[in-house]
């Protein structure tokens, strides 16, 4: 079982990771609108990376019986 304090901190980190992913997607949309496809692509890649970080925390919590 995961310690409640650690579980809370990990859940907060998941929120931060997903907020970062959202910001990267927003920037991707902005750059796409300017026709800067390379920058848009890079921002989308960064968004996916942040989502992957969130999922690692998610799996860690679940593997230890947390919520």
PDB file of N, CA and C in Angstrom:
ATOM      1  N   UNK A   1       0.842  -1.189   0.000  1.00  0.00           N
ATOM      2  CA  UNK A   1       0.000   0.000   0.000  1.00  0.00           C
ATOM      3  C   UNK A   1       0.882   1.246   0.000  1.00  0.00           C
ATOM      4  N   UNK A   2       0.447   2.242  -0.714  1.00  0.00           N
ATOM      5  CA  UNK A   2       1.208   3.476  -0.846  1.00  0.00           C
ATOM      6  C   UNK A   2       0.866   4.430   0.307  1.00  0.00           C
ATOM      7  N   UNK A   3       1.861   5.117   0.805  1.00  0.00           N
ATOM      8  CA  UNK A   3       1.688   6.107   1.862  1.00  0.00           C
ATOM      9  C   UNK A   3       0.754   7.213   1.374  1.00  0.00           C
ATOM     10  N   UNK A   4      -0.199   7.627   2.200  1.00  0.00           N
ATOM     11  CA  UNK A   4      -1.208   8.619   1.796  1.00  0.00           C
ATOM     12  C   UNK A   4      -0.590   9.950   1.384  1.00  0.00           C
ATOM     13  N   UNK A   5       0.448  10.375   2.094  1.00  0.00           N
ATOM     14  CA  UNK A   5       1.102  11.651   1.759  1.00  0.00           C
ATOM     15  C   UNK A   5       1.777  11.573   0.391  1.00  0.00           C
ATOM     16  N   UNK A   6       2.429  10.444   0.126  1.00  0.00           N
ATOM     17  CA  UNK A   6       3.087  10.240  -1.162  1.00  0.00           C
ATOM     18  C   UNK A   6       2.043  10.138  -2.274  1.00  0.00           C
ATOM     19  N   UNK A   7       0.972   9.409  -1.989  1.00  0.00           N
ATOM     20  CA  UNK A   7      -0.102   9.265  -2.979  1.00  0.00           C
ATOM     21  C   UNK A   7      -0.666  10.629  -3.377  1.00  0.00           C
ATOM     22  N   UNK A   8      -0.896  11.483  -2.384  1.00  0.00           N
ATOM     23  CA  UNK A   8      -1.419  12.830  -2.656  1.00  0.00           C
ATOM     24  C   UNK A   8      -0.439  13.626  -3.512  1.00  0.00           C
ATOM     25  N   UNK A   9       0.838  13.549  -3.179  1.00  0.00           N
ATOM     26  CA  UNK A   9       1.858  14.280  -3.943  1.00  0.00           C
ATOM     27  C   UNK A   9       1.940  13.765  -5.376  1.00  0.00           C
ATOM     28  N   UNK A  10       1.870  12.444  -5.556  1.00  0.00           N
ATOM     29  CA  UNK A  10       1.903  11.884  -6.896  1.00  0.00           C
ATOM     30  C   UNK A  10       0.681  12.321  -7.703  1.00  0.00           C
ATOM     31  N   UNK A  11      -0.479  12.333  -7.083  1.00  0.00           N
ATOM     32  CA  UNK A  11      -1.682  12.777  -7.783  1.00  0.00           C
ATOM     33  C   UNK A  11      -1.592  14.249  -8.182  1.00  0.00           C
ATOM     34  N   UNK A  12      -1.002  15.055  -7.318  1.00  0.00           N
ATOM     35  CA  UNK A  12      -0.788  16.466  -7.666  1.00  0.00           C
ATOM     36  C   UNK A  12       0.174  16.576  -8.845  1.00  0.00           C
ATOM     37  N   UNK A  13       1.191  15.725  -8.861  1.00  0.00           N
ATOM     38  CA  UNK A  13       2.145  15.750  -9.974  1.00  0.00           C
ATOM     39  C   UNK A  13       1.476  15.338 -11.278  1.00  0.00           C
ATOM     40  N   UNK A  14       0.578  14.371 -11.214  1.00  0.00           N
ATOM     41  CA  UNK A  14      -0.181  13.991 -12.412  1.00  0.00           C
ATOM     42  C   UNK A  14      -0.908  15.208 -12.963  1.00  0.00           C
ATOM     43  N   UNK A  15      -1.537  15.969 -12.080  1.00  0.00           N
ATOM     44  CA  UNK A  15      -2.238  17.188 -12.503  1.00  0.00           C
ATOM     45  C   UNK A  15      -1.280  18.149 -13.196  1.00  0.00           C
ATOM     46  N   UNK A  16      -0.107  18.353 -12.616  1.00  0.00           N
ATOM     47  CA  UNK A  16       0.881  19.265 -13.223  1.00  0.00           C
ATOM     48  C   UNK A  16       1.339  18.774 -14.594  1.00  0.00           C
ATOM     49  N   UNK A  17       1.560  17.473 -14.702  1.00  0.00           N
ATOM     50  CA  UNK A  17       1.997  16.912 -15.985  1.00  0.00           C
ATOM     51  C   UNK A  17       0.930  17.124 -17.061  1.00  0.00           C
ATOM     52  N   UNK A  18      -0.323  16.877 -16.701  1.00  0.00           N
ATOM     53  CA  UNK A  18      -1.406  17.026 -17.681  1.00  0.00           C
ATOM     54  C   UNK A  18      -1.669  18.500 -18.013  1.00  0.00           C
ATOM     55  N   UNK A  19      -1.509  19.386 -17.035  1.00  0.00           N
ATOM     56  CA  UNK A  19      -1.621  20.815 -17.329  1.00  0.00           C
ATOM     57  C   UNK A  19      -0.532  21.249 -18.306  1.00  0.00           C
ATOM     58  N   UNK A  20       0.667  20.736 -18.112  1.00  0.00           N
ATOM     59  CA  UNK A  20       1.770  21.047 -19.036  1.00  0.00           C
ATOM     60  C   UNK A  20       1.460  20.531 -20.432  1.00  0.00           C
ATOM     61  N   UNK A  21       0.922  19.319 -20.513  1.00  0.00           N
ATOM     62  CA  UNK A  21       0.558  18.765 -21.820  1.00  0.00           C
ATOM     63  C   UNK A  21      -0.460  19.668 -22.502  1.00  0.00           C
ATOM     64  N   UNK A  22      -1.418  20.171 -21.751  1.00  0.00           N
ATOM     65  CA  UNK A  22      -2.436  21.053 -22.321  1.00  0.00           C
ATOM     66  C   UNK A  22      -1.806  22.348 -22.849  1.00  0.00           C
ATOM     67  N   UNK A  23      -0.867  22.899 -22.094  1.00  0.00           N
ATOM     68  CA  UNK A  23      -0.190  24.117 -22.554  1.00  0.00           C
ATOM     69  C   UNK A  23       0.594  23.863 -23.840  1.00  0.00           C
ATOM     70  N   UNK A  24       1.279  22.735 -23.902  1.00  0.00           N
ATOM     71  CA  UNK A  24       2.005  22.401 -25.130  1.00  0.00           C
ATOM     72  C   UNK A  24       1.053  22.245 -26.314  1.00  0.00           C
ATOM     73  N   UNK A  25      -0.096  21.638 -26.078  1.00  0.00           N
ATOM     74  CA  UNK A  25      -1.074  21.500 -27.170  1.00  0.00           C
ATOM     75  C   UNK A  25      -1.601  22.864 -27.601  1.00  0.00           C
ATOM     76  N   UNK A  26      -1.799  23.757 -26.645  1.00  0.00           N
ATOM     77  CA  UNK A  26      -2.235  25.115 -26.978  1.00  0.00           C
ATOM     78  C   UNK A  26      -1.206  25.816 -27.850  1.00  0.00           C
ATOM     79  N   UNK A  27       0.060  25.650 -27.486  1.00  0.00           N
ATOM     80  CA  UNK A  27       1.119  26.253 -28.286  1.00  0.00           C
ATOM     81  C   UNK A  27       1.195  25.603 -29.669  1.00  0.00           C
ATOM     82  N   UNK A  28       0.969  24.300 -29.728  1.00  0.00           N
ATOM     83  CA  UNK A  28       0.960  23.608 -31.021  1.00  0.00           C
ATOM     84  C   UNK A  28      -0.129  24.177 -31.917  1.00  0.00           C
ATOM     85  N   UNK A  29      -1.303  24.414 -31.351  1.00  0.00           N
ATOM     86  CA  UNK A  29      -2.406  24.982 -32.141  1.00  0.00           C
ATOM     87  C   UNK A  29      -2.046  26.379 -32.642  1.00  0.00           C
ATOM     88  N   UNK A  30      -1.423  27.169 -31.778  1.00  0.00           N
ATOM     89  CA  UNK A  30      -1.015  28.519 -32.164  1.00  0.00           C
ATOM     90  C   UNK A  30      -0.026  28.463 -33.334  1.00  0.00           C
ATOM     91  N   UNK A  31       1.005  27.643 -33.194  1.00  0.00           N
ATOM     92  CA  UNK A  31       2.011  27.541 -34.250  1.00  0.00           C
ATOM     93  C   UNK A  31       1.424  26.956 -35.533  1.00  0.00           C
ATOM     94  N   UNK A  32       0.514  26.004 -35.391  1.00  0.00           N
ATOM     95  CA  UNK A  32      -0.151  25.436 -36.572  1.00  0.00           C
ATOM     96  C   UNK A  32      -0.909  26.538 -37.321  1.00  0.00           C
ATOM     97  N   UNK A  33      -1.561  27.408 -36.549  1.00  0.00           N
ATOM     98  CA  UNK A  33      -2.301  28.512 -37.156  1.00  0.00           C
ATOM     99  C   UNK A  33      -1.408  29.479 -37.914  1.00  0.00           C
ATOM    100  N   UNK A  34      -0.167  29.600 -37.478  1.00  0.00           N
ATOM    101  CA  UNK A  34       0.791  30.465 -38.169  1.00  0.00           C
ATOM    102  C   UNK A  34       1.429  29.774 -39.365  1.00  0.00           C
ATOM    103  N   UNK A  35       1.146  28.478 -39.488  1.00  0.00           N
ATOM    104  CA  UNK A  35       1.769  27.724 -40.566  1.00  0.00           C
ATOM    105  C   UNK A  35       3.158  27.228 -40.222  1.00  0.00           C
ATOM    106  N   UNK A  36       3.511  27.296 -38.956  1.00  0.00           N
ATOM    107  CA  UNK A  36       4.823  26.836 -38.500  1.00  0.00           C
ATOM    108  C   UNK A  36       4.715  25.366 -38.107  1.00  0.00           C
ATOM    109  N   UNK A  37       4.608  24.522 -39.093  1.00  0.00           N
ATOM    110  CA  UNK A  37       4.341  23.105 -38.854  1.00  0.00           C
ATOM    111  C   UNK A  37       5.433  22.409 -38.054  1.00  0.00           C
ATOM    112  N   UNK A  38       6.669  22.790 -38.261  1.00  0.00           N
ATOM    113  CA  UNK A  38       7.766  22.184 -37.512  1.00  0.00           C
ATOM    114  C   UNK A  38       7.655  22.462 -36.025  1.00  0.00           C
ATOM    115  N   UNK A  39       7.384  23.716 -35.684  1.00  0.00           N
ATOM    116  CA  UNK A  39       7.214  24.075 -34.267  1.00  0.00           C
ATOM    117  C   UNK A  39       5.983  23.400 -33.683  1.00  0.00           C
ATOM    118  N   UNK A  40       4.910  23.350 -34.464  1.00  0.00           N
ATOM    119  CA  UNK A  40       3.683  22.696 -33.998  1.00  0.00           C
ATOM    120  C   UNK A  40       3.950  21.225 -33.710  1.00  0.00           C
ATOM    121  N   UNK A  41       4.677  20.576 -34.583  1.00  0.00           N
ATOM    122  CA  UNK A  41       5.013  19.170 -34.406  1.00  0.00           C
ATOM    123  C   UNK A  41       5.847  18.957 -33.148  1.00  0.00           C
ATOM    124  N   UNK A  42       6.806  19.837 -32.920  1.00  0.00           N
ATOM    125  CA  UNK A  42       7.660  19.728 -31.737  1.00  0.00           C
ATOM    126  C   UNK A  42       6.840  19.906 -30.464  1.00  0.00           C
ATOM    127  N   UNK A  43       5.916  20.855 -30.468  1.00  0.00           N
ATOM    128  CA  UNK A  43       5.057  21.082 -29.298  1.00  0.00           C
ATOM    129  C   UNK A  43       4.147  19.882 -29.036  1.00  0.00           C
ATOM    130  N   UNK A  44       3.643  19.271 -30.095  1.00  0.00           N
ATOM    131  CA  UNK A  44       2.824  18.066 -29.918  1.00  0.00           C
ATOM    132  C   UNK A  44       3.652  16.943 -29.309  1.00  0.00           C
ATOM    133  N   UNK A  45       4.897  16.838 -29.736  1.00  0.00           N
ATOM    134  CA  UNK A  45       5.784  15.811 -29.176  1.00  0.00           C
ATOM    135  C   UNK A  45       6.001  16.070 -27.685  1.00  0.00           C
ATOM    136  N   UNK A  46       6.181  17.324 -27.316  1.00  0.00           N
ATOM    137  CA  UNK A  46       6.360  17.661 -25.901  1.00  0.00           C
ATOM    138  C   UNK A  46       5.101  17.327 -25.097  1.00  0.00           C
ATOM    139  N   UNK A  47       3.936  17.579 -25.692  1.00  0.00           N
ATOM    140  CA  UNK A  47       2.670  17.256 -25.021  1.00  0.00           C
ATOM    141  C   UNK A  47       2.577  15.760 -24.749  1.00  0.00           C
ATOM    142  N   UNK A  48       2.938  14.959 -25.732  1.00  0.00           N
ATOM    143  CA  UNK A  48       2.904  13.496 -25.549  1.00  0.00           C
ATOM    144  C   UNK A  48       3.872  13.053 -24.453  1.00  0.00           C
ATOM    145  N   UNK A  49       5.008  13.703 -24.385  1.00  0.00           N
ATOM    146  CA  UNK A  49       5.984  13.369 -23.349  1.00  0.00           C
ATOM    147  C   UNK A  49       5.412  13.642 -21.958  1.00  0.00           C
ATOM    148  N   UNK A  50       4.742  14.789 -21.803  1.00  0.00           N
ATOM    149  CA  UNK A  50       4.129  15.111 -20.512  1.00  0.00           C
ATOM    150  C   UNK A  50       3.017  14.120 -20.167  1.00  0.00           C
ATOM    151  N   UNK A  51       2.246  13.716 -21.171  1.00  0.00           N
ATOM    152  CA  UNK A  51       1.207  12.705 -20.941  1.00  0.00           C
ATOM    153  C   UNK A  51       1.835  11.391 -20.497  1.00  0.00           C
ATOM    154  N   UNK A  52       2.958  11.026 -21.099  1.00  0.00           N
ATOM    155  CA  UNK A  52       3.663   9.807 -20.698  1.00  0.00           C
ATOM    156  C   UNK A  52       4.139   9.887 -19.251  1.00  0.00           C
ATOM    157  N   UNK A  53       4.630  11.065 -18.852  1.00  0.00           N
ATOM    158  CA  UNK A  53       5.037  11.233 -17.453  1.00  0.00           C
ATOM    159  C   UNK A  53       3.850  11.009 -16.529  1.00  0.00           C
ATOM    160  N   UNK A  54       2.718  11.602 -16.870  1.00  0.00           N
ATOM    161  CA  UNK A  54       1.511  11.446 -16.047  1.00  0.00           C
ATOM    162  C   UNK A  54       1.127   9.982 -15.930  1.00  0.00           C
ATOM    163  N   UNK A  55       1.211   9.253 -17.027  1.00  0.00           N
ATOM    164  CA  UNK A  55       0.827   7.851 -17.011  1.00  0.00           C
ATOM    165  C   UNK A  55       1.788   7.003 -16.177  1.00  0.00           C
ATOM    166  N   UNK A  56       3.047   7.375 -16.135  1.00  0.00           N
ATOM    167  CA  UNK A  56       3.991   6.641 -15.292  1.00  0.00           C
ATOM    168  C   UNK A  56       3.610   6.786 -13.816  1.00  0.00           C
ATOM    169  N   UNK A  57       3.251   7.994 -13.409  1.00  0.00           N
ATOM    170  CA  UNK A  57       2.785   8.201 -12.040  1.00  0.00           C
ATOM    171  C   UNK A  57       1.484   7.433 -11.801  1.00  0.00           C
ATOM    172  N   UNK A  58       0.584   7.483 -12.759  1.00  0.00           N
ATOM    173  CA  UNK A  58      -0.696   6.777 -12.673  1.00  0.00           C
ATOM    174  C   UNK A  58      -0.471   5.283 -12.431  1.00  0.00           C
ATOM    175  N   UNK A  59       0.374   4.685 -13.252  1.00  0.00           N
ATOM    176  CA  UNK A  59       0.648   3.253 -13.124  1.00  0.00           C
ATOM    177  C   UNK A  59       1.325   2.937 -11.796  1.00  0.00           C
ATOM    178  N   UNK A  60       2.235   3.783 -11.372  1.00  0.00           N
ATOM    179  CA  UNK A  60       2.926   3.574 -10.095  1.00  0.00           C
ATOM    180  C   UNK A  60       1.926   3.555  -8.941  1.00  0.00           C
ATOM    181  N   UNK A  61       1.014   4.522  -8.931  1.00  0.00           N
ATOM    182  CA  UNK A  61      -0.012   4.588  -7.884  1.00  0.00           C
ATOM    183  C   UNK A  61      -0.893   3.336  -7.922  1.00  0.00           C
ATOM    184  N   UNK A  62      -1.376   2.994  -9.104  1.00  0.00           N
ATOM    185  CA  UNK A  62      -2.257   1.834  -9.240  1.00  0.00           C
ATOM    186  C   UNK A  62      -1.561   0.523  -8.867  1.00  0.00           C
ATOM    187  N   UNK A  63      -0.314   0.392  -9.237  1.00  0.00           N
ATOM    188  CA  UNK A  63       0.437  -0.824  -8.915  1.00  0.00           C
ATOM    189  C   UNK A  63       0.583  -1.025  -7.408  1.00  0.00           C
ATOM    190  N   UNK A  64       0.485   0.051  -6.661  1.00  0.00           N
ATOM    191  CA  UNK A  64       0.640  -0.018  -5.220  1.00  0.00           C
ATOM    192  C   UNK A  64      -0.692   0.089  -4.460  1.00  0.00           C
ATOM    193  N   UNK A  65      -1.786  -0.082  -5.187  1.00  0.00           N
ATOM    194  CA  UNK A  65      -3.101  -0.102  -4.555  1.00  0.00           C
ATOM    195  C   UNK A  65      -3.664   1.260  -4.201  1.00  0.00           C
ATOM    196  N   UNK A  66      -3.089   2.303  -4.758  1.00  0.00           N
ATOM    197  CA  UNK A  66      -3.572   3.652  -4.481  1.00  0.00           C
ATOM    198  C   UNK A  66      -4.681   4.072  -5.404  1.00  0.00           C
ATOM    199  N   UNK A  67      -5.123   5.279  -5.216  1.00  0.00           N
ATOM    200  CA  UNK A  67      -6.181   5.859  -6.039  1.00  0.00           C
ATOM    201  C   UNK A  67      -5.743   7.210  -6.577  1.00  0.00           C
TER     202      UNK A  67
END
